[in-house]
């Protein structure tokens, strides 16, 4: 895939599915993927706490891999979506509509955000 191309969610889900079927043999079970997702989110949290938070890095710790760790999270989310027959494009559109209907004035009227 050309890196200058925009990769939509549907295409990304299909790419992950094709990779799993070609190189991964099969999907891990949903419970295993949930555990993997938790692990990957923890790795993102570790980096964020060291890059943007007060925690210091351990000697030799690489703080340049946040994009890779976020991509790992996205990968596992797409695996779970594929396994559960969820089209993330449709789900995201519906979720944005839900948030818009529910929160269209909530954040604008929040004095903590001013």
N, C-alpha and C. Protein backbone atom coordinates (compact mmCIF):
# COMPACT_ATOMS: atom_id res chain seq x y z
N UNK A 1 0.83 -1.19 0.00
CA UNK A 1 0.00 0.00 0.00
C UNK A 1 0.87 1.24 0.00
N UNK A 2 0.52 2.19 -0.82
CA UNK A 2 1.23 3.47 -0.90
C UNK A 2 0.96 4.26 0.38
N UNK A 3 2.02 4.69 1.06
CA UNK A 3 1.85 5.38 2.34
C UNK A 3 1.21 6.75 2.20
N UNK A 4 1.17 7.30 0.99
CA UNK A 4 0.52 8.60 0.81
C UNK A 4 -1.00 8.45 0.67
N UNK A 5 -1.48 7.22 0.50
CA UNK A 5 -2.92 6.96 0.39
C UNK A 5 -3.59 7.10 1.75
N UNK A 6 -4.82 7.58 1.73
CA UNK A 6 -5.61 7.61 2.94
C UNK A 6 -6.25 6.24 3.11
N UNK A 7 -6.14 5.68 4.29
CA UNK A 7 -6.68 4.35 4.57
C UNK A 7 -7.92 4.51 5.44
N UNK A 8 -9.08 4.26 4.88
CA UNK A 8 -10.32 4.34 5.66
C UNK A 8 -10.47 3.15 6.58
N UNK A 9 -11.40 3.26 7.50
CA UNK A 9 -11.61 2.19 8.48
C UNK A 9 -12.00 0.87 7.82
N UNK A 10 -12.91 0.91 6.85
CA UNK A 10 -13.32 -0.34 6.18
C UNK A 10 -12.13 -1.01 5.51
N UNK A 11 -11.34 -0.19 4.82
CA UNK A 11 -10.16 -0.75 4.14
C UNK A 11 -9.16 -1.29 5.15
N UNK A 12 -9.01 -0.59 6.26
CA UNK A 12 -8.07 -1.04 7.29
C UNK A 12 -8.54 -2.35 7.91
N UNK A 13 -9.83 -2.45 8.19
CA UNK A 13 -10.36 -3.71 8.73
C UNK A 13 -10.13 -4.86 7.75
N UNK A 14 -10.33 -4.59 6.48
CA UNK A 14 -10.12 -5.63 5.46
C UNK A 14 -8.64 -6.01 5.39
N UNK A 15 -7.76 -5.03 5.47
CA UNK A 15 -6.32 -5.28 5.45
C UNK A 15 -5.89 -6.15 6.63
N UNK A 16 -6.42 -5.84 7.82
CA UNK A 16 -6.11 -6.64 9.01
C UNK A 16 -6.63 -8.06 8.82
N UNK A 17 -7.85 -8.21 8.31
CA UNK A 17 -8.42 -9.53 8.09
C UNK A 17 -7.58 -10.34 7.10
N UNK A 18 -7.17 -9.70 6.02
CA UNK A 18 -6.34 -10.39 5.02
C UNK A 18 -5.00 -10.80 5.62
N UNK A 19 -4.40 -9.93 6.44
CA UNK A 19 -3.12 -10.25 7.06
C UNK A 19 -3.27 -11.45 8.00
N UNK A 20 -4.32 -11.41 8.83
CA UNK A 20 -4.55 -12.51 9.77
C UNK A 20 -4.68 -13.83 9.01
N UNK A 21 -5.45 -13.83 7.95
CA UNK A 21 -5.68 -15.06 7.19
C UNK A 21 -4.44 -15.53 6.44
N UNK A 22 -3.58 -14.60 6.04
CA UNK A 22 -2.37 -14.96 5.30
C UNK A 22 -1.20 -15.32 6.21
N UNK A 23 -0.98 -14.53 7.27
CA UNK A 23 0.20 -14.71 8.11
C UNK A 23 -0.11 -15.16 9.53
N UNK A 24 -1.28 -14.88 10.01
CA UNK A 24 -1.60 -15.15 11.41
C UNK A 24 -2.28 -16.47 11.65
N UNK A 25 -2.55 -17.22 10.60
CA UNK A 25 -3.22 -18.51 10.62
C UNK A 25 -4.71 -18.33 10.95
N UNK A 26 -5.01 -17.73 12.11
CA UNK A 26 -6.40 -17.48 12.50
C UNK A 26 -6.39 -16.39 13.56
N UNK A 27 -7.56 -15.86 13.85
CA UNK A 27 -7.69 -14.89 14.93
C UNK A 27 -7.51 -15.60 16.27
N UNK A 28 -6.90 -14.92 17.23
CA UNK A 28 -6.95 -15.39 18.60
C UNK A 28 -8.40 -15.27 19.05
N UNK A 29 -8.79 -15.98 20.07
CA UNK A 29 -10.15 -15.85 20.59
C UNK A 29 -10.40 -14.44 21.10
N UNK A 30 -11.67 -14.08 21.19
CA UNK A 30 -12.04 -12.74 21.63
C UNK A 30 -11.51 -12.43 23.02
N UNK A 31 -11.56 -13.38 23.93
CA UNK A 31 -11.05 -13.13 25.28
C UNK A 31 -9.54 -12.90 25.27
N UNK A 32 -8.82 -13.67 24.46
CA UNK A 32 -7.38 -13.45 24.33
C UNK A 32 -7.12 -12.08 23.74
N UNK A 33 -7.86 -11.71 22.69
CA UNK A 33 -7.67 -10.39 22.09
C UNK A 33 -8.02 -9.27 23.06
N UNK A 34 -9.00 -9.49 23.93
CA UNK A 34 -9.31 -8.48 24.95
C UNK A 34 -8.14 -8.30 25.90
N UNK A 35 -7.51 -9.40 26.28
CA UNK A 35 -6.33 -9.32 27.15
C UNK A 35 -5.18 -8.61 26.43
N UNK A 36 -5.01 -8.91 25.15
CA UNK A 36 -3.96 -8.26 24.36
C UNK A 36 -4.25 -6.77 24.25
N UNK A 37 -5.51 -6.41 24.03
CA UNK A 37 -5.89 -5.00 23.94
C UNK A 37 -5.56 -4.27 25.25
N UNK A 38 -5.87 -4.90 26.36
CA UNK A 38 -5.57 -4.31 27.67
C UNK A 38 -4.07 -4.09 27.82
N UNK A 39 -3.29 -5.06 27.40
CA UNK A 39 -1.83 -4.95 27.45
C UNK A 39 -1.34 -3.79 26.58
N UNK A 40 -1.87 -3.69 25.38
CA UNK A 40 -1.44 -2.62 24.46
C UNK A 40 -1.83 -1.25 24.98
N UNK A 41 -3.03 -1.12 25.54
CA UNK A 41 -3.46 0.16 26.13
C UNK A 41 -2.53 0.51 27.30
N UNK A 42 -2.12 -0.48 28.07
CA UNK A 42 -1.16 -0.25 29.15
C UNK A 42 0.16 0.28 28.64
N UNK A 43 0.61 -0.21 27.50
CA UNK A 43 1.85 0.29 26.92
C UNK A 43 1.71 1.74 26.46
N UNK A 44 0.54 2.09 25.93
CA UNK A 44 0.26 3.49 25.57
C UNK A 44 0.28 4.35 26.83
N UNK A 45 -0.38 3.88 27.88
CA UNK A 45 -0.44 4.62 29.15
C UNK A 45 0.95 4.84 29.73
N UNK A 46 1.80 3.81 29.67
CA UNK A 46 3.17 3.93 30.18
C UNK A 46 3.92 5.04 29.44
N UNK A 47 3.81 5.06 28.13
CA UNK A 47 4.50 6.09 27.35
C UNK A 47 3.94 7.48 27.62
N UNK A 48 2.62 7.60 27.64
CA UNK A 48 1.99 8.90 27.89
C UNK A 48 2.41 9.44 29.25
N UNK A 49 2.45 8.57 30.26
CA UNK A 49 2.82 9.03 31.60
C UNK A 49 4.26 9.51 31.66
N UNK A 50 5.10 8.98 30.80
CA UNK A 50 6.50 9.40 30.80
C UNK A 50 6.75 10.60 29.87
N UNK A 51 6.02 10.66 28.78
CA UNK A 51 6.22 11.76 27.82
C UNK A 51 5.52 13.03 28.30
N UNK A 52 4.27 12.90 28.76
CA UNK A 52 3.45 14.07 29.09
C UNK A 52 3.18 14.21 30.59
N UNK A 53 3.41 13.17 31.34
CA UNK A 53 3.13 13.20 32.77
C UNK A 53 4.39 13.45 33.59
N UNK A 54 4.26 13.23 34.86
CA UNK A 54 5.35 13.51 35.79
C UNK A 54 6.33 12.34 35.94
N UNK A 55 5.95 11.18 35.45
CA UNK A 55 6.82 10.02 35.63
C UNK A 55 8.02 10.11 34.71
N UNK A 56 9.20 9.78 35.23
CA UNK A 56 10.40 9.81 34.41
C UNK A 56 10.62 8.46 33.74
N UNK A 57 11.34 8.50 32.65
CA UNK A 57 11.64 7.27 31.91
C UNK A 57 12.71 6.48 32.65
N UNK A 58 12.65 5.19 32.49
CA UNK A 58 13.69 4.32 33.03
C UNK A 58 14.92 4.44 32.14
N UNK A 59 16.11 4.19 32.67
CA UNK A 59 17.31 4.25 31.83
C UNK A 59 17.18 3.33 30.61
N UNK A 60 17.42 3.90 29.43
CA UNK A 60 17.37 3.13 28.20
C UNK A 60 15.98 2.94 27.62
N UNK A 61 14.96 3.45 28.30
CA UNK A 61 13.59 3.29 27.82
C UNK A 61 13.36 4.15 26.58
N UNK A 62 12.79 3.55 25.55
CA UNK A 62 12.52 4.24 24.28
C UNK A 62 11.16 4.92 24.34
N UNK A 63 11.16 6.24 24.27
CA UNK A 63 9.93 7.01 24.33
C UNK A 63 9.45 7.46 22.96
N UNK A 64 10.01 6.91 21.91
CA UNK A 64 9.68 7.35 20.55
C UNK A 64 8.65 6.47 19.87
N UNK A 65 8.08 5.52 20.57
CA UNK A 65 7.23 4.51 19.92
C UNK A 65 5.74 4.69 20.20
N UNK A 66 5.31 5.88 20.58
CA UNK A 66 3.90 6.10 20.87
C UNK A 66 3.03 5.79 19.66
N UNK A 67 3.46 6.22 18.48
CA UNK A 67 2.65 5.96 17.28
C UNK A 67 2.51 4.46 17.03
N UNK A 68 3.57 3.71 17.26
CA UNK A 68 3.52 2.26 17.07
C UNK A 68 2.60 1.60 18.09
N UNK A 69 2.65 2.08 19.33
CA UNK A 69 1.79 1.50 20.37
C UNK A 69 0.32 1.84 20.10
N UNK A 70 0.04 3.05 19.64
CA UNK A 70 -1.35 3.40 19.29
C UNK A 70 -1.83 2.55 18.11
N UNK A 71 -0.93 2.29 17.16
CA UNK A 71 -1.30 1.43 16.03
C UNK A 71 -1.57 0.00 16.50
N UNK A 72 -0.83 -0.47 17.51
CA UNK A 72 -1.10 -1.79 18.08
C UNK A 72 -2.50 -1.85 18.67
N UNK A 73 -2.90 -0.78 19.38
CA UNK A 73 -4.25 -0.72 19.95
C UNK A 73 -5.28 -0.78 18.83
N UNK A 74 -5.07 0.02 17.80
CA UNK A 74 -6.00 0.05 16.67
C UNK A 74 -6.08 -1.32 16.00
N UNK A 75 -4.96 -1.99 15.85
CA UNK A 75 -4.91 -3.33 15.25
C UNK A 75 -5.82 -4.30 16.01
N UNK A 76 -5.66 -4.35 17.33
CA UNK A 76 -6.43 -5.30 18.12
C UNK A 76 -7.91 -4.92 18.13
N UNK A 77 -8.22 -3.63 18.15
CA UNK A 77 -9.62 -3.20 18.07
C UNK A 77 -10.22 -3.69 16.74
N UNK A 78 -9.46 -3.59 15.67
CA UNK A 78 -9.95 -4.06 14.37
C UNK A 78 -10.11 -5.57 14.34
N UNK A 79 -9.20 -6.28 14.99
CA UNK A 79 -9.36 -7.74 15.09
C UNK A 79 -10.66 -8.08 15.81
N UNK A 80 -10.89 -7.43 16.94
CA UNK A 80 -12.12 -7.69 17.69
C UNK A 80 -13.36 -7.33 16.87
N UNK A 81 -13.30 -6.20 16.18
CA UNK A 81 -14.44 -5.79 15.35
C UNK A 81 -14.69 -6.83 14.26
N UNK A 82 -13.64 -7.29 13.62
CA UNK A 82 -13.79 -8.31 12.57
C UNK A 82 -14.40 -9.58 13.14
N UNK A 83 -13.92 -10.00 14.29
CA UNK A 83 -14.42 -11.23 14.90
C UNK A 83 -15.89 -11.12 15.30
N UNK A 84 -16.31 -9.93 15.65
CA UNK A 84 -17.68 -9.71 16.13
C UNK A 84 -18.58 -9.18 15.03
N UNK A 85 -18.10 -9.21 13.79
CA UNK A 85 -18.86 -8.73 12.62
C UNK A 85 -19.35 -7.29 12.80
N UNK A 86 -18.45 -6.44 13.24
CA UNK A 86 -18.76 -5.02 13.43
C UNK A 86 -18.02 -4.21 12.38
N UNK A 87 -18.77 -3.43 11.63
CA UNK A 87 -18.19 -2.49 10.67
C UNK A 87 -17.88 -1.22 11.45
N UNK A 88 -16.59 -0.96 11.68
CA UNK A 88 -16.19 0.19 12.50
C UNK A 88 -16.57 1.52 11.86
N UNK A 89 -16.65 1.58 10.55
CA UNK A 89 -17.09 2.82 9.90
C UNK A 89 -18.52 3.14 10.31
N UNK A 90 -19.41 2.18 10.18
CA UNK A 90 -20.80 2.38 10.59
C UNK A 90 -20.89 2.67 12.08
N UNK A 91 -20.14 1.91 12.88
CA UNK A 91 -20.20 2.08 14.33
C UNK A 91 -19.72 3.47 14.73
N UNK A 92 -18.67 3.96 14.09
CA UNK A 92 -18.15 5.28 14.43
C UNK A 92 -19.13 6.39 14.04
N UNK A 93 -19.73 6.25 12.86
CA UNK A 93 -20.72 7.25 12.43
C UNK A 93 -21.88 7.30 13.42
N UNK A 94 -22.39 6.14 13.81
CA UNK A 94 -23.49 6.08 14.78
C UNK A 94 -23.06 6.64 16.13
N UNK A 95 -21.83 6.38 16.52
CA UNK A 95 -21.33 6.87 17.80
C UNK A 95 -21.19 8.39 17.80
N UNK A 96 -20.72 8.96 16.69
CA UNK A 96 -20.61 10.41 16.58
C UNK A 96 -22.00 11.04 16.64
N UNK A 97 -22.97 10.43 15.95
CA UNK A 97 -24.35 10.93 16.00
C UNK A 97 -24.89 10.88 17.43
N UNK A 98 -24.64 9.80 18.13
CA UNK A 98 -25.10 9.65 19.52
C UNK A 98 -24.49 10.74 20.39
N UNK A 99 -23.18 10.93 20.27
CA UNK A 99 -22.50 11.94 21.07
C UNK A 99 -22.99 13.35 20.74
N UNK A 100 -23.23 13.59 19.46
CA UNK A 100 -23.71 14.91 19.04
C UNK A 100 -25.08 15.18 19.64
N UNK A 101 -25.99 14.22 19.54
CA UNK A 101 -27.34 14.39 20.09
C UNK A 101 -27.31 14.54 21.61
N UNK A 102 -26.47 13.79 22.25
CA UNK A 102 -26.43 13.79 23.71
C UNK A 102 -25.65 14.98 24.27
N UNK A 103 -24.58 15.37 23.59
CA UNK A 103 -23.62 16.32 24.18
C UNK A 103 -23.46 17.62 23.41
N UNK A 104 -24.38 17.93 22.49
CA UNK A 104 -24.17 19.11 21.64
C UNK A 104 -24.03 20.41 22.42
N UNK A 105 -24.61 20.50 23.62
CA UNK A 105 -24.44 21.72 24.42
C UNK A 105 -23.69 21.44 25.73
N UNK A 106 -23.52 20.19 26.07
CA UNK A 106 -22.90 19.83 27.35
C UNK A 106 -21.51 20.42 27.53
N UNK A 107 -20.65 20.23 26.56
CA UNK A 107 -19.26 20.70 26.69
C UNK A 107 -19.15 22.21 26.48
N UNK A 108 -19.94 22.74 25.57
CA UNK A 108 -19.94 24.18 25.33
C UNK A 108 -20.34 24.93 26.59
N UNK A 109 -21.27 24.37 27.37
CA UNK A 109 -21.77 25.01 28.59
C UNK A 109 -20.99 24.62 29.84
N UNK A 110 -19.94 23.87 29.69
CA UNK A 110 -19.15 23.43 30.83
C UNK A 110 -18.13 24.51 31.23
N UNK A 111 -18.33 25.16 32.38
CA UNK A 111 -17.40 26.23 32.76
C UNK A 111 -15.98 25.75 33.01
N UNK A 112 -15.81 24.45 33.27
CA UNK A 112 -14.47 23.90 33.49
C UNK A 112 -13.64 23.91 32.20
N UNK A 113 -14.30 24.01 31.06
CA UNK A 113 -13.59 23.96 29.78
C UNK A 113 -13.31 25.35 29.22
N UNK A 114 -13.69 26.38 29.92
CA UNK A 114 -13.47 27.75 29.42
C UNK A 114 -12.16 28.29 29.88
